[in-house]
Amino acid sequence: MYKMSKKYAILTLLFVSVSKMLNAQTVDVTNKLTQDGKINTVIVVASIILLGIFLFLFFIERRVKKLEQEAKD
């Protein structure tokens, strides 16, 4: 029982420290990108990456369904 609470304490400390670092970074990075006019580029690139991931998952799902149907027959 002691080991579990120690793991949770370490994970909590890790998440808190990472969230503090990310929170401190985002203000400067966002302001810099907005001032330089590059925020739109970041949004477009992130959108393209997410679209690619969703399309990949969609086609993988179709292939799996097809294989499942072949396995049933």
PDB file of N, CA and C in Angstrom:
ATOM      1  N   MET A   1       0.822  -1.187   0.000  1.00  0.00           N
ATOM      2  CA  MET A   1       0.000   0.000   0.000  1.00  0.00           C
ATOM      3  C   MET A   1       0.866   1.250   0.000  1.00  0.00           C
ATOM      4  N   TYR A   2       1.988   1.175   0.677  1.00  0.00           N
ATOM      5  CA  TYR A   2       2.906   2.314   0.729  1.00  0.00           C
ATOM      6  C   TYR A   2       3.479   2.609  -0.649  1.00  0.00           C
ATOM      7  N   LYS A   3       3.749   1.560  -1.431  1.00  0.00           N
ATOM      8  CA  LYS A   3       4.317   1.746  -2.764  1.00  0.00           C
ATOM      9  C   LYS A   3       3.334   2.444  -3.689  1.00  0.00           C
ATOM     10  N   MET A   4       2.056   2.121  -3.587  1.00  0.00           N
ATOM     11  CA  MET A   4       1.061   2.748  -4.445  1.00  0.00           C
ATOM     12  C   MET A   4       0.943   4.232  -4.142  1.00  0.00           C
ATOM     13  N   SER A   5       0.906   4.592  -2.873  1.00  0.00           N
ATOM     14  CA  SER A   5       0.773   6.005  -2.538  1.00  0.00           C
ATOM     15  C   SER A   5       2.031   6.760  -2.938  1.00  0.00           C
ATOM     16  N   LYS A   6       3.175   6.108  -2.892  1.00  0.00           N
ATOM     17  CA  LYS A   6       4.424   6.740  -3.315  1.00  0.00           C
ATOM     18  C   LYS A   6       4.404   6.983  -4.822  1.00  0.00           C
ATOM     19  N   LYS A   7       3.880   6.027  -5.585  1.00  0.00           N
ATOM     20  CA  LYS A   7       3.761   6.198  -7.038  1.00  0.00           C
ATOM     21  C   LYS A   7       2.832   7.348  -7.374  1.00  0.00           C
ATOM     22  N   TYR A   8       1.687   7.408  -6.685  1.00  0.00           N
ATOM     23  CA  TYR A   8       0.739   8.492  -6.938  1.00  0.00           C
ATOM     24  C   TYR A   8       1.320   9.847  -6.576  1.00  0.00           C
ATOM     25  N   ALA A   9       2.093   9.895  -5.511  1.00  0.00           N
ATOM     26  CA  ALA A   9       2.712  11.156  -5.107  1.00  0.00           C
ATOM     27  C   ALA A   9       3.732  11.611  -6.146  1.00  0.00           C
ATOM     28  N   ILE A  10       4.508  10.691  -6.671  1.00  0.00           N
ATOM     29  CA  ILE A  10       5.502  11.024  -7.688  1.00  0.00           C
ATOM     30  C   ILE A  10       4.819  11.474  -8.972  1.00  0.00           C
ATOM     31  N   LEU A  11       3.770  10.765  -9.392  1.00  0.00           N
ATOM     32  CA  LEU A  11       3.036  11.151 -10.596  1.00  0.00           C
ATOM     33  C   LEU A  11       2.381  12.521 -10.441  1.00  0.00           C
ATOM     34  N   THR A  12       1.806  12.773  -9.276  1.00  0.00           N
ATOM     35  CA  THR A  12       1.188  14.073  -9.035  1.00  0.00           C
ATOM     36  C   THR A  12       2.222  15.180  -9.098  1.00  0.00           C
ATOM     37  N   LEU A  13       3.364  14.969  -8.469  1.00  0.00           N
ATOM     38  CA  LEU A  13       4.439  15.958  -8.502  1.00  0.00           C
ATOM     39  C   LEU A  13       4.920  16.196  -9.930  1.00  0.00           C
ATOM     40  N   LEU A  14       5.037  15.130 -10.713  1.00  0.00           N
ATOM     41  CA  LEU A  14       5.467  15.247 -12.101  1.00  0.00           C
ATOM     42  C   LEU A  14       4.458  16.046 -12.918  1.00  0.00           C
ATOM     43  N   PHE A  15       3.170  15.733 -12.790  1.00  0.00           N
ATOM     44  CA  PHE A  15       2.140  16.457 -13.540  1.00  0.00           C
ATOM     45  C   PHE A  15       2.073  17.925 -13.149  1.00  0.00           C
ATOM     46  N   VAL A  16       2.210  18.209 -11.874  1.00  0.00           N
ATOM     47  CA  VAL A  16       2.166  19.596 -11.425  1.00  0.00           C
ATOM     48  C   VAL A  16       3.351  20.379 -11.974  1.00  0.00           C
ATOM     49  N   SER A  17       4.538  19.779 -11.928  1.00  0.00           N
ATOM     50  CA  SER A  17       5.720  20.492 -12.414  1.00  0.00           C
ATOM     51  C   SER A  17       5.665  20.698 -13.928  1.00  0.00           C
ATOM     52  N   VAL A  18       5.186  19.706 -14.661  1.00  0.00           N
ATOM     53  CA  VAL A  18       5.080  19.847 -16.110  1.00  0.00           C
ATOM     54  C   VAL A  18       4.028  20.891 -16.467  1.00  0.00           C
ATOM     55  N   SER A  19       2.896  20.885 -15.778  1.00  0.00           N
ATOM     56  CA  SER A  19       1.858  21.866 -16.083  1.00  0.00           C
ATOM     57  C   SER A  19       2.327  23.281 -15.758  1.00  0.00           C
ATOM     58  N   LYS A  20       3.114  23.443 -14.716  1.00  0.00           N
ATOM     59  CA  LYS A  20       3.659  24.766 -14.390  1.00  0.00           C
ATOM     60  C   LYS A  20       4.601  25.238 -15.489  1.00  0.00           C
ATOM     61  N   MET A  21       5.446  24.340 -15.998  1.00  0.00           N
ATOM     62  CA  MET A  21       6.379  24.714 -17.059  1.00  0.00           C
ATOM     63  C   MET A  21       5.631  25.074 -18.335  1.00  0.00           C
ATOM     64  N   LEU A  22       4.627  24.283 -18.699  1.00  0.00           N
ATOM     65  CA  LEU A  22       3.877  24.556 -19.916  1.00  0.00           C
ATOM     66  C   LEU A  22       3.075  25.843 -19.795  1.00  0.00           C
ATOM     67  N   ASN A  23       2.526  26.095 -18.624  1.00  0.00           N
ATOM     68  CA  ASN A  23       1.754  27.304 -18.411  1.00  0.00           C
ATOM     69  C   ASN A  23       2.652  28.538 -18.511  1.00  0.00           C
ATOM     70  N   ALA A  24       3.858  28.441 -18.011  1.00  0.00           N
ATOM     71  CA  ALA A  24       4.779  29.572 -18.072  1.00  0.00           C
ATOM     72  C   ALA A  24       5.240  29.820 -19.507  1.00  0.00           C
ATOM     73  N   GLN A  25       5.324  28.783 -20.310  1.00  0.00           N
ATOM     74  CA  GLN A  25       5.825  28.907 -21.678  1.00  0.00           C
ATOM     75  C   GLN A  25       4.778  29.454 -22.638  1.00  0.00           C
ATOM     76  N   THR A  26       3.552  29.080 -22.480  1.00  0.00           N
ATOM     77  CA  THR A  26       2.547  29.371 -23.498  1.00  0.00           C
ATOM     78  C   THR A  26       2.315  30.860 -23.706  1.00  0.00           C
ATOM     79  N   VAL A  27       2.401  31.652 -22.683  1.00  0.00           N
ATOM     80  CA  VAL A  27       2.129  33.080 -22.822  1.00  0.00           C
ATOM     81  C   VAL A  27       3.148  33.720 -23.753  1.00  0.00           C
ATOM     82  N   ASP A  28       4.425  33.441 -23.540  1.00  0.00           N
ATOM     83  CA  ASP A  28       5.463  34.036 -24.366  1.00  0.00           C
ATOM     84  C   ASP A  28       5.411  33.511 -25.799  1.00  0.00           C
ATOM     85  N   VAL A  29       5.225  32.219 -25.951  1.00  0.00           N
ATOM     86  CA  VAL A  29       5.201  31.627 -27.282  1.00  0.00           C
ATOM     87  C   VAL A  29       3.992  32.135 -28.068  1.00  0.00           C
ATOM     88  N   THR A  30       2.855  32.184 -27.431  1.00  0.00           N
ATOM     89  CA  THR A  30       1.642  32.650 -28.114  1.00  0.00           C
ATOM     90  C   THR A  30       1.769  34.111 -28.517  1.00  0.00           C
ATOM     91  N   ASN A  31       2.257  34.933 -27.615  1.00  0.00           N
ATOM     92  CA  ASN A  31       2.437  36.349 -27.942  1.00  0.00           C
ATOM     93  C   ASN A  31       3.429  36.537 -29.079  1.00  0.00           C
ATOM     94  N   LYS A  32       4.516  35.799 -29.059  1.00  0.00           N
ATOM     95  CA  LYS A  32       5.540  35.900 -30.101  1.00  0.00           C
ATOM     96  C   LYS A  32       4.973  35.486 -31.456  1.00  0.00           C
ATOM     97  N   LEU A  33       4.251  34.353 -31.497  1.00  0.00           N
ATOM     98  CA  LEU A  33       3.679  33.889 -32.758  1.00  0.00           C
ATOM     99  C   LEU A  33       2.607  34.842 -33.270  1.00  0.00           C
ATOM    100  N   THR A  34       1.832  35.413 -32.361  1.00  0.00           N
ATOM    101  CA  THR A  34       0.799  36.353 -32.776  1.00  0.00           C
ATOM    102  C   THR A  34       1.415  37.624 -33.333  1.00  0.00           C
ATOM    103  N   GLN A  35       2.445  38.114 -32.691  1.00  0.00           N
ATOM    104  CA  GLN A  35       3.108  39.336 -33.150  1.00  0.00           C
ATOM    105  C   GLN A  35       3.765  39.133 -34.511  1.00  0.00           C
ATOM    106  N   ASP A  36       4.357  37.970 -34.719  1.00  0.00           N
ATOM    107  CA  ASP A  36       5.037  37.692 -35.985  1.00  0.00           C
ATOM    108  C   ASP A  36       4.069  37.287 -37.088  1.00  0.00           C
ATOM    109  N   GLY A  37       2.809  37.024 -36.744  1.00  0.00           N
ATOM    110  CA  GLY A  37       1.821  36.619 -37.729  1.00  0.00           C
ATOM    111  C   GLY A  37       1.962  35.166 -38.151  1.00  0.00           C
ATOM    112  N   LYS A  38       2.641  34.363 -37.342  1.00  0.00           N
ATOM    113  CA  LYS A  38       2.864  32.962 -37.694  1.00  0.00           C
ATOM    114  C   LYS A  38       1.884  32.021 -37.009  1.00  0.00           C
ATOM    115  N   ILE A  39       0.982  32.550 -36.205  1.00  0.00           N
ATOM    116  CA  ILE A  39       0.030  31.696 -35.494  1.00  0.00           C
ATOM    117  C   ILE A  39      -0.878  30.968 -36.479  1.00  0.00           C
ATOM    118  N   ASN A  40      -1.210  31.631 -37.590  1.00  0.00           N
ATOM    119  CA  ASN A  40      -2.053  30.982 -38.601  1.00  0.00           C
ATOM    120  C   ASN A  40      -1.339  29.792 -39.216  1.00  0.00           C
ATOM    121  N   THR A  41      -0.044  29.917 -39.434  1.00  0.00           N
ATOM    122  CA  THR A  41       0.732  28.803 -39.981  1.00  0.00           C
ATOM    123  C   THR A  41       0.730  27.628 -39.028  1.00  0.00           C
ATOM    124  N   VAL A  42       0.880  27.900 -37.748  1.00  0.00           N
ATOM    125  CA  VAL A  42       0.878  26.831 -36.746  1.00  0.00           C
ATOM    126  C   VAL A  42      -0.475  26.134 -36.723  1.00  0.00           C
ATOM    127  N   ILE A  43      -1.547  26.897 -36.793  1.00  0.00           N
ATOM    128  CA  ILE A  43      -2.895  26.318 -36.774  1.00  0.00           C
ATOM    129  C   ILE A  43      -3.129  25.460 -38.013  1.00  0.00           C
ATOM    130  N   VAL A  44      -2.688  25.939 -39.175  1.00  0.00           N
ATOM    131  CA  VAL A  44      -2.875  25.176 -40.417  1.00  0.00           C
ATOM    132  C   VAL A  44      -2.090  23.870 -40.375  1.00  0.00           C
ATOM    133  N   VAL A  45      -0.844  23.929 -39.919  1.00  0.00           N
ATOM    134  CA  VAL A  45      -0.016  22.713 -39.860  1.00  0.00           C
ATOM    135  C   VAL A  45      -0.603  21.716 -38.869  1.00  0.00           C
ATOM    136  N   ALA A  46      -1.033  22.193 -37.704  1.00  0.00           N
ATOM    137  CA  ALA A  46      -1.639  21.296 -36.717  1.00  0.00           C
ATOM    138  C   ALA A  46      -2.928  20.680 -37.262  1.00  0.00           C
ATOM    139  N   SER A  47      -3.708  21.462 -37.985  1.00  0.00           N
ATOM    140  CA  SER A  47      -4.949  20.945 -38.571  1.00  0.00           C
ATOM    141  C   SER A  47      -4.662  19.882 -39.623  1.00  0.00           C
ATOM    142  N   ILE A  48      -3.641  20.105 -40.446  1.00  0.00           N
ATOM    143  CA  ILE A  48      -3.287  19.114 -41.472  1.00  0.00           C
ATOM    144  C   ILE A  48      -2.824  17.816 -40.828  1.00  0.00           C
ATOM    145  N   ILE A  49      -2.037  17.930 -39.771  1.00  0.00           N
ATOM    146  CA  ILE A  49      -1.558  16.730 -39.078  1.00  0.00           C
ATOM    147  C   ILE A  49      -2.734  15.966 -38.471  1.00  0.00           C
ATOM    148  N   LEU A  50      -3.648  16.666 -37.801  1.00  0.00           N
ATOM    149  CA  LEU A  50      -4.804  16.001 -37.212  1.00  0.00           C
ATOM    150  C   LEU A  50      -5.701  15.376 -38.272  1.00  0.00           C
ATOM    151  N   LEU A  51      -5.897  16.070 -39.383  1.00  0.00           N
ATOM    152  CA  LEU A  51      -6.695  15.518 -40.471  1.00  0.00           C
ATOM    153  C   LEU A  51      -6.056  14.238 -41.007  1.00  0.00           C
ATOM    154  N   GLY A  52      -4.746  14.245 -41.154  1.00  0.00           N
ATOM    155  CA  GLY A  52      -4.046  13.047 -41.615  1.00  0.00           C
ATOM    156  C   GLY A  52      -4.212  11.890 -40.660  1.00  0.00           C
ATOM    157  N   ILE A  53      -4.126  12.166 -39.374  1.00  0.00           N
ATOM    158  CA  ILE A  53      -4.300  11.105 -38.374  1.00  0.00           C
ATOM    159  C   ILE A  53      -5.721  10.549 -38.430  1.00  0.00           C
ATOM    160  N   PHE A  54      -6.724  11.439 -38.522  1.00  0.00           N
ATOM    161  CA  PHE A  54      -8.112  10.971 -38.582  1.00  0.00           C
ATOM    162  C   PHE A  54      -8.385  10.161 -39.848  1.00  0.00           C
ATOM    163  N   LEU A  55      -7.849  10.603 -40.975  1.00  0.00           N
ATOM    164  CA  LEU A  55      -8.033   9.844 -42.219  1.00  0.00           C
ATOM    165  C   LEU A  55      -7.369   8.468 -42.122  1.00  0.00           C
ATOM    166  N   PHE A  56      -6.184   8.431 -41.555  1.00  0.00           N
ATOM    167  CA  PHE A  56      -5.481   7.163 -41.375  1.00  0.00           C
ATOM    168  C   PHE A  56      -6.313   6.210 -40.517  1.00  0.00           C
ATOM    169  N   LEU A  57      -6.844   6.713 -39.408  1.00  0.00           N
ATOM    170  CA  LEU A  57      -7.661   5.876 -38.533  1.00  0.00           C
ATOM    171  C   LEU A  57      -8.940   5.417 -39.227  1.00  0.00           C
ATOM    172  N   PHE A  58      -9.533   6.294 -40.034  1.00  0.00           N
ATOM    173  CA  PHE A  58     -10.744   5.942 -40.762  1.00  0.00           C
ATOM    174  C   PHE A  58     -10.478   4.790 -41.727  1.00  0.00           C
ATOM    175  N   PHE A  59      -9.387   4.872 -42.498  1.00  0.00           N
ATOM    176  CA  PHE A  59      -9.084   3.818 -43.463  1.00  0.00           C
ATOM    177  C   PHE A  59      -8.670   2.519 -42.773  1.00  0.00           C
ATOM    178  N   ILE A  60      -7.968   2.621 -41.667  1.00  0.00           N
ATOM    179  CA  ILE A  60      -7.612   1.417 -40.910  1.00  0.00           C
ATOM    180  C   ILE A  60      -8.880   0.735 -40.394  1.00  0.00           C
ATOM    181  N   GLU A  61      -9.842   1.530 -39.910  1.00  0.00           N
ATOM    182  CA  GLU A  61     -11.098   0.971 -39.418  1.00  0.00           C
ATOM    183  C   GLU A  61     -11.849   0.249 -40.533  1.00  0.00           C
ATOM    184  N   ARG A  62     -11.870   0.819 -41.729  1.00  0.00           N
ATOM    185  CA  ARG A  62     -12.534   0.164 -42.860  1.00  0.00           C
ATOM    186  C   ARG A  62     -11.867  -1.159 -43.190  1.00  0.00           C
ATOM    187  N   ARG A  63     -10.537  -1.184 -43.161  1.00  0.00           N
ATOM    188  CA  ARG A  63      -9.817  -2.431 -43.456  1.00  0.00           C
ATOM    189  C   ARG A  63     -10.097  -3.497 -42.400  1.00  0.00           C
ATOM    190  N   VAL A  64     -10.151  -3.070 -41.144  1.00  0.00           N
ATOM    191  CA  VAL A  64     -10.430  -4.024 -40.069  1.00  0.00           C
ATOM    192  C   VAL A  64     -11.831  -4.600 -40.224  1.00  0.00           C
ATOM    193  N   LYS A  65     -12.800  -3.753 -40.531  1.00  0.00           N
ATOM    194  CA  LYS A  65     -14.173  -4.257 -40.748  1.00  0.00           C
ATOM    195  C   LYS A  65     -14.227  -5.241 -41.893  1.00  0.00           C
ATOM    196  N   LYS A  66     -13.496  -4.940 -42.966  1.00  0.00           N
ATOM    197  CA  LYS A  66     -13.470  -5.854 -44.111  1.00  0.00           C
ATOM    198  C   LYS A  66     -12.850  -7.194 -43.716  1.00  0.00           C
ATOM    199  N   LEU A  67     -11.768  -7.165 -42.961  1.00  0.00           N
ATOM    200  CA  LEU A  67     -11.140  -8.401 -42.522  1.00  0.00           C
ATOM    201  C   LEU A  67     -12.041  -9.182 -41.577  1.00  0.00           C
ATOM    202  N   GLU A  68     -12.773  -8.470 -40.704  1.00  0.00           N
ATOM    203  CA  GLU A  68     -13.697  -9.146 -39.815  1.00  0.00           C
ATOM    204  C   GLU A  68     -14.812  -9.842 -40.604  1.00  0.00           C
ATOM    205  N   GLN A  69     -15.321  -9.173 -41.637  1.00  0.00           N
ATOM    206  CA  GLN A  69     -16.357  -9.783 -42.459  1.00  0.00           C
ATOM    207  C   GLN A  69     -15.831 -11.025 -43.175  1.00  0.00           C
ATOM    208  N   GLU A  70     -14.598 -10.964 -43.678  1.00  0.00           N
ATOM    209  CA  GLU A  70     -13.997 -12.124 -44.346  1.00  0.00           C
ATOM    210  C   GLU A  70     -13.791 -13.269 -43.365  1.00  0.00           C
ATOM    211  N   ALA A  71     -13.444 -12.941 -42.134  1.00  0.00           N
ATOM    212  CA  ALA A  71     -13.221 -13.980 -41.134  1.00  0.00           C
ATOM    213  C   ALA A  71     -14.524 -14.652 -40.719  1.00  0.00           C
ATOM    214  N   LYS A  72     -15.633 -13.902 -40.733  1.00  0.00           N
ATOM    215  CA  LYS A  72     -16.940 -14.479 -40.379  1.00  0.00           C
ATOM    216  C   LYS A  72     -17.438 -15.425 -41.466  1.00  0.00           C
ATOM    217  N   ASP A  73     -17.115 -15.103 -42.715  1.00  0.00           N
ATOM    218  CA  ASP A  73     -17.589 -15.938 -43.838  1.00  0.00           C
ATOM    219  C   ASP A  73     -16.713 -17.124 -43.982  1.00  0.00           C
TER     220      ASP A  73
END
